[in-house]
Amino acid sequence: MFNTRIAPSPTGDMHIGTARTAYFNWLAARASCGRFYLRIDDTDQARNNPEYTKVILDTMDWLGLYYDECFHQSSRFNRHMMMAESFIDSGLAIREDGAVKLKLPIDNLPKTWTDSLGGEIAITANDFENTDGMVLIKSDGTPSYNWSSVIDDIDYEINFVIRGVDHISNTSKQVILYNLLKAPLPKYAHVGLICVKNKPMSKRDAAASMLHYKNAGYDPEAMLNFLARMGWGPIKDDKSTVMLPVDRMLELFLNSGKMRSAPSNFDLAKLESFDRKYKGKKGVWRTGQALMGDDNGDKKPNDCSG
């Protein structure tokens, strides 16, 4: 049973790469009878915008990626501070310039961690140097990304983290924190980034915004099919797996397919082809909304707008 999460920041439109990893995490949880959480990563108080929180919620609703619980990290700031205080008490952190900073011990630190796609990853001397003195609580009282992410993942019993390869450097820091907290590591899978012309898709690219596709009227399950094939593939890949509606993806995702750490090419023509096919098949395939709904297919996500 996998408990997973997605943790978008409300600082801009929801990126297509975030939507892709949201779908992968959702599939892993639902296919294993686990729990799927939506965590609004609003630790950056200066850049947060409630309008972007609404975009995140609307996008998840549009895609039918319903979650068991949604919460804002800002609602847990006291918990993050309490755990930082415990590190101070045990000599693993110090107060400096109004902030709480990590103080690494010399011995018994992890040397490697395992990525289920990339294999064994070494924690380098540079990783240790960047982690020693890392800010846990900023001078304004808000937690750092790595600290809040680890504390929340432990408390919510997240045991499978699927995210982009751009987070690998963060993972080494987080593995060290897990070790110091004496908590079991989750399973990690870092998937390749979505690229245009061999370059990672920029947040400034209009095609990167999920709001663009929602407003343009694309079929949500066509979009999910498109997202699934960017970073995942079935073991048996033939004509029968070109079209992968949500219920079929739930059957295949964990045991009959594999995520990839290699970059994925964004192909708008393929999305448009999926869109035409799904719109022509409405009523034949179930949608994500009906699949995860109650007997009437009308389940709504938890409110997370506050």
Protein backbone atom coordinates (compact mmCIF):
# COMPACT_ATOMS: atom_id res chain seq x y z
CA MET A 1 0.00 0.00 0.00
CA PHE A 2 1.50 3.30 -1.09
CA ASN A 3 0.71 6.63 0.54
CA THR A 4 1.68 9.42 -1.84
CA ARG A 5 1.34 13.17 -2.18
CA ILE A 6 1.74 16.06 -4.54
CA ALA A 7 2.98 19.39 -3.16
CA PRO A 8 2.53 22.29 -5.62
CA SER A 9 3.39 25.86 -4.63
CA PRO A 10 0.72 28.56 -5.10
CA THR A 11 3.18 30.92 -6.78
CA GLY A 12 2.09 30.46 -10.41
CA ASP A 13 -0.09 28.39 -12.74
CA MET A 14 0.11 24.64 -12.24
CA HIS A 15 2.93 23.33 -14.45
CA ILE A 16 2.34 20.39 -16.79
CA GLY A 17 5.23 18.56 -15.11
CA THR A 18 3.54 18.96 -11.73
CA ALA A 19 0.30 17.60 -13.20
CA ARG A 20 2.20 14.63 -14.64
CA THR A 21 3.75 13.71 -11.28
CA ALA A 22 0.39 14.33 -9.56
CA TYR A 23 -1.13 11.69 -11.86
CA PHE A 24 1.70 9.23 -11.22
CA ASN A 25 1.38 9.66 -7.46
CA TRP A 26 -2.40 9.35 -7.69
CA LEU A 27 -2.09 6.13 -9.70
CA ALA A 28 0.40 4.61 -7.25
CA ALA A 29 -1.89 5.33 -4.29
CA ARG A 30 -5.17 4.27 -5.92
CA ALA A 31 -3.72 1.12 -7.51
CA SER A 32 -2.40 -0.04 -4.12
CA CYS A 33 -5.38 1.03 -1.97
CA GLY A 34 -3.20 3.70 -0.34
CA ARG A 35 -3.89 7.36 0.38
CA PHE A 36 -3.21 10.36 -1.84
CA TYR A 37 -2.67 13.82 -0.34
CA LEU A 38 -2.65 17.29 -1.86
CA ARG A 39 -0.29 19.51 0.11
CA ILE A 40 -0.23 23.19 -0.72
CA ASP A 41 3.43 24.17 -0.31
CA ASP A 42 2.85 27.74 0.85
CA THR A 43 5.99 28.22 2.92
CA ASP A 44 7.05 31.17 0.73
CA GLN A 45 4.77 33.74 2.32
CA ALA A 46 6.00 36.60 0.12
CA ARG A 47 5.16 34.88 -3.19
CA ASN A 48 2.01 32.92 -2.31
CA ASN A 49 -1.17 33.93 -4.10
CA PRO A 50 -4.62 32.51 -3.23
CA GLU A 51 -5.58 32.78 -6.91
CA TYR A 52 -2.95 30.17 -7.74
CA THR A 53 -4.24 27.89 -4.97
CA LYS A 54 -7.60 28.01 -6.73
CA VAL A 55 -5.89 27.14 -10.04
CA ILE A 56 -4.32 24.08 -8.39
CA LEU A 57 -7.65 22.94 -6.96
CA ASP A 58 -9.51 23.56 -10.21
CA THR A 59 -6.89 21.65 -12.19
CA MET A 60 -7.03 18.65 -9.87
CA ASP A 61 -10.83 18.73 -10.05
CA TRP A 62 -10.78 19.00 -13.87
CA LEU A 63 -8.46 15.99 -14.14
CA GLY A 64 -10.49 13.98 -11.65
CA LEU A 65 -7.50 13.46 -9.37
CA TYR A 66 -9.42 13.41 -6.11
CA TYR A 67 -7.46 13.32 -2.89
CA ASP A 68 -8.07 11.92 0.57
CA GLU A 69 -6.98 15.11 2.29
CA CYS A 70 -5.71 18.53 1.36
CA PHE A 71 -3.80 20.84 3.69
CA HIS A 72 -1.63 23.93 3.63
CA GLN A 73 1.89 23.61 5.00
CA SER A 74 1.37 26.99 6.69
CA SER A 75 -1.19 25.31 8.98
CA ARG A 76 1.64 23.18 10.37
CA PHE A 77 4.25 25.85 11.10
CA ASN A 78 3.99 25.17 14.86
CA ARG A 79 4.79 21.51 14.23
CA HIS A 80 7.79 22.40 12.09
CA MET A 81 9.06 24.76 14.81
CA MET A 82 8.49 22.19 17.57
CA MET A 83 10.58 19.62 15.71
CA ALA A 84 13.32 22.20 15.10
CA GLU A 85 13.35 22.97 18.82
CA SER A 86 13.84 19.28 19.52
CA PHE A 87 16.91 19.37 17.26
CA ILE A 88 18.28 22.32 19.22
CA ASP A 89 17.74 20.43 22.47
CA SER A 90 19.59 17.37 21.12
CA GLY A 91 22.48 19.41 19.71
CA LEU A 92 21.54 18.85 16.07
CA ALA A 93 20.69 22.50 15.40
CA ILE A 94 21.66 25.97 16.60
CA ARG A 95 20.07 29.39 16.64
CA GLU A 96 21.94 31.85 14.49
CA ASP A 97 20.90 35.29 13.20
CA GLY A 98 17.30 34.61 14.23
CA ALA A 99 17.15 31.34 12.30
CA VAL A 100 17.45 27.69 13.28
CA LYS A 101 20.25 25.95 11.38
CA LEU A 102 21.19 22.30 11.14
CA LYS A 103 24.38 21.13 12.83
CA LEU A 104 25.46 17.78 11.38
CA PRO A 105 27.13 15.19 13.60
CA ILE A 106 30.43 13.77 12.40
CA ASP A 107 29.57 10.08 12.41
CA ASN A 108 26.80 7.66 11.40
CA LEU A 109 25.43 9.65 8.48
CA PRO A 110 24.05 7.86 5.41
CA LYS A 111 26.38 7.57 2.43
CA THR A 112 23.87 6.54 -0.26
CA TRP A 113 20.18 6.24 -1.03
CA THR A 114 18.33 4.28 -3.69
CA ASP A 115 16.24 5.67 -6.50
CA SER A 116 13.90 3.02 -7.90
CA LEU A 117 14.61 4.31 -11.42
CA GLY A 118 18.21 5.51 -11.22
CA GLY A 119 19.68 3.01 -8.77
CA GLU A 120 22.06 3.79 -5.93
CA ILE A 121 22.81 7.50 -5.50
CA ALA A 122 25.89 8.61 -3.57
CA ILE A 123 25.59 11.41 -1.03
CA THR A 124 28.64 13.47 -1.93
CA ALA A 125 30.95 15.59 0.16
CA ASN A 126 29.33 18.59 -1.50
CA ASP A 127 25.89 17.34 -0.38
CA PHE A 128 27.09 17.13 3.22
CA GLU A 129 28.67 20.58 2.98
CA ASN A 130 25.42 22.07 1.65
CA THR A 131 23.36 20.30 4.32
CA ASP A 132 25.52 21.26 7.30
CA GLY A 133 24.26 24.67 8.39
CA MET A 134 21.11 24.33 6.28
CA VAL A 135 18.31 26.55 7.50
CA LEU A 136 15.45 24.63 9.12
CA ILE A 137 13.47 27.64 10.33
CA LYS A 138 13.99 31.03 8.70
CA SER A 139 14.38 34.22 10.73
CA ASP A 140 10.74 35.10 9.97
CA GLY A 141 9.58 31.87 11.64
CA THR A 142 8.69 29.99 8.47
CA PRO A 143 10.23 26.58 7.71
CA SER A 144 12.53 25.82 4.83
CA TYR A 145 11.31 23.62 1.97
CA ASN A 146 13.40 20.57 2.86
CA TRP A 147 12.59 20.68 6.58
CA SER A 148 8.82 21.13 6.20
CA SER A 149 8.65 18.53 3.43
CA VAL A 150 10.36 15.85 5.51
CA ILE A 151 8.36 16.56 8.67
CA ASP A 152 5.07 16.50 6.77
CA ASP A 153 5.96 13.34 4.86
CA ILE A 154 6.82 11.55 8.10
CA ASP A 155 3.68 12.70 9.90
CA TYR A 156 1.43 11.70 6.99
CA GLU A 157 3.22 8.36 6.58
CA ILE A 158 4.20 9.04 2.96
CA ASN A 159 6.07 5.96 1.80
CA PHE A 160 6.41 6.60 -1.94
CA VAL A 161 7.64 9.90 -3.41
CA ILE A 162 7.42 10.34 -7.18
CA ARG A 163 8.85 13.60 -8.53
CA GLY A 164 11.13 15.05 -11.19
CA VAL A 165 14.87 14.43 -11.47
CA ASP A 166 15.43 18.11 -10.64
CA HIS A 167 14.70 17.15 -7.01
CA ILE A 168 17.56 14.64 -6.70
CA SER A 169 19.84 17.14 -4.97
CA ASN A 170 17.04 17.90 -2.47
CA THR A 171 16.56 14.18 -1.86
CA SER A 172 20.11 13.72 -0.61
CA LYS A 173 19.54 16.48 1.96
CA GLN A 174 16.19 14.96 2.94
CA VAL A 175 17.69 11.49 3.34
CA ILE A 176 20.13 12.97 5.86
CA LEU A 177 17.21 14.56 7.73
CA TYR A 178 15.32 11.26 7.78
CA ASN A 179 18.41 9.63 9.25
CA LEU A 180 18.68 12.24 12.01
CA LEU A 181 14.97 11.94 12.75
CA LYS A 182 15.32 8.13 12.90
CA ALA A 183 12.43 7.73 10.48
CA PRO A 184 12.09 5.12 7.70
CA LEU A 185 12.85 6.37 4.21
CA PRO A 186 10.07 6.38 1.63
CA LYS A 187 10.57 4.74 -1.74
CA TYR A 188 11.82 7.32 -4.27
CA ALA A 189 11.28 7.53 -8.02
CA HIS A 190 12.64 10.53 -9.92
CA VAL A 191 11.17 10.79 -13.41
CA GLY A 192 12.71 12.65 -16.33
CA LEU A 193 11.66 16.20 -17.07
CA ILE A 194 9.28 17.20 -19.87
CA CYS A 195 11.30 18.87 -22.61
CA VAL A 196 10.79 20.98 -25.70
CA LYS A 197 13.59 20.81 -28.27
CA ASN A 198 15.79 18.97 -25.76
CA LYS A 199 15.39 21.68 -23.11
CA PRO A 200 13.26 21.39 -19.95
CA MET A 201 9.94 23.13 -20.46
CA SER A 202 10.12 26.57 -18.88
CA LYS A 203 7.43 27.84 -16.52
CA ARG A 204 7.27 30.86 -18.81
CA ASP A 205 6.24 28.70 -21.75
CA ALA A 206 2.48 29.00 -22.35
CA ALA A 207 2.35 25.27 -23.10
CA ALA A 208 3.59 24.57 -19.56
CA SER A 209 0.42 25.89 -17.90
CA MET A 210 -2.35 23.40 -17.17
CA LEU A 211 -4.78 26.31 -17.11
CA HIS A 212 -4.08 26.75 -20.83
CA TYR A 213 -5.38 23.23 -21.65
CA LYS A 214 -8.37 23.47 -19.31
CA ASN A 215 -9.47 26.79 -20.80
CA ALA A 216 -8.87 25.54 -24.35
CA GLY A 217 -11.38 22.74 -23.80
CA TYR A 218 -9.11 19.72 -24.01
CA ASP A 219 -10.66 16.47 -22.81
CA PRO A 220 -9.30 15.78 -19.28
CA GLU A 221 -8.83 12.05 -19.83
CA ALA A 222 -7.05 12.71 -23.12
CA MET A 223 -4.73 14.96 -21.12
CA LEU A 224 -4.17 12.19 -18.55
CA ASN A 225 -3.39 9.71 -21.34
CA PHE A 226 -0.91 12.22 -22.76
CA LEU A 227 0.68 12.83 -19.35
CA ALA A 228 0.97 9.11 -18.65
CA ARG A 229 3.04 8.47 -21.75
CA MET A 230 5.54 11.20 -20.84
CA GLY A 231 7.71 9.33 -18.35
CA TRP A 232 5.92 5.96 -18.17
CA GLY A 233 5.43 3.10 -20.59
CA PRO A 234 3.74 -0.31 -20.48
CA ILE A 235 5.93 -3.40 -20.57
CA LYS A 236 3.89 -4.66 -23.50
CA ASP A 237 3.61 -1.60 -25.73
CA ASP A 238 1.49 -2.18 -28.82
CA LYS A 239 -1.77 -0.99 -30.41
CA SER A 240 -3.72 -2.13 -27.36
CA THR A 241 -1.89 0.36 -25.12
CA VAL A 242 -2.04 3.47 -27.28
CA MET A 243 -5.26 4.53 -25.57
CA LEU A 244 -4.98 4.26 -21.79
CA PRO A 245 -8.09 5.48 -19.98
CA VAL A 246 -7.81 5.87 -16.22
CA ASP A 247 -9.19 2.47 -15.25
CA ARG A 248 -6.72 0.77 -17.61
CA MET A 249 -3.84 2.82 -16.20
CA LEU A 250 -4.78 1.68 -12.70
CA GLU A 251 -4.43 -1.91 -13.85
CA LEU A 252 -1.05 -1.39 -15.51
CA PHE A 253 0.78 1.37 -13.66
CA LEU A 254 2.57 -0.46 -10.84
CA ASN A 255 3.17 -3.96 -12.16
CA SER A 256 2.83 -3.84 -15.94
CA GLY A 257 4.73 -0.69 -16.77
CA LYS A 258 7.71 1.41 -15.74
CA MET A 259 8.49 5.05 -15.15
CA ARG A 260 11.59 6.48 -16.81
CA SER A 261 14.34 8.79 -15.61
CA ALA A 262 15.11 9.92 -19.17
CA PRO A 263 13.63 13.22 -20.44
CA SER A 264 10.28 13.09 -22.24
CA ASN A 265 9.53 15.05 -25.38
CA PHE A 266 6.45 17.28 -25.43
CA ASP A 267 4.46 16.48 -28.58
CA LEU A 268 1.43 18.74 -29.04
CA ALA A 269 0.28 16.80 -32.12
CA LYS A 270 0.02 13.65 -30.00
CA LEU A 271 -2.09 15.47 -27.39
CA GLU A 272 -4.40 16.77 -30.09
CA SER A 273 -4.72 13.25 -31.51
CA PHE A 274 -5.67 11.90 -28.08
CA ASP A 275 -8.13 14.74 -27.64
CA ARG A 276 -9.97 13.90 -30.88
CA LYS A 277 -10.10 10.19 -30.03
CA TYR A 278 -11.36 10.66 -26.48
CA LYS A 279 -14.01 13.16 -27.50
CA GLY A 280 -15.21 10.62 -30.04
CA LYS A 281 -15.40 7.88 -27.41
CA LYS A 282 -17.33 9.65 -24.65
CA GLY A 283 -19.77 7.32 -22.98
CA VAL A 284 -17.63 4.30 -23.84
CA TRP A 285 -14.81 4.84 -21.33
CA ARG A 286 -15.23 5.87 -17.74
CA THR A 287 -13.67 9.16 -16.74
CA GLY A 288 -11.46 9.73 -13.72
CA GLN A 289 -14.37 11.58 -12.08
CA ALA A 290 -16.75 8.62 -12.38
CA LEU A 291 -14.05 6.13 -11.48
CA MET A 292 -13.25 7.75 -8.17
CA GLY A 293 -16.76 8.99 -7.38
CA ASP A 294 -19.47 7.38 -5.31
CA ASP A 295 -22.29 5.32 -6.83
CA ASN A 296 -23.54 8.45 -8.56
CA GLY A 297 -20.08 9.41 -9.79
CA ASP A 298 -20.33 12.81 -8.14
CA LYS A 299 -17.67 12.80 -5.42
CA LYS A 300 -16.08 16.21 -4.89
CA PRO A 301 -12.61 16.94 -3.51
CA ASN A 302 -12.08 18.26 -0.02
CA ASP A 303 -12.08 22.02 0.29
CA CYS A 304 -8.58 23.46 0.56
CA SER A 305 -9.12 27.08 -0.35
CA GLY A 306 -8.52 28.56 3.08
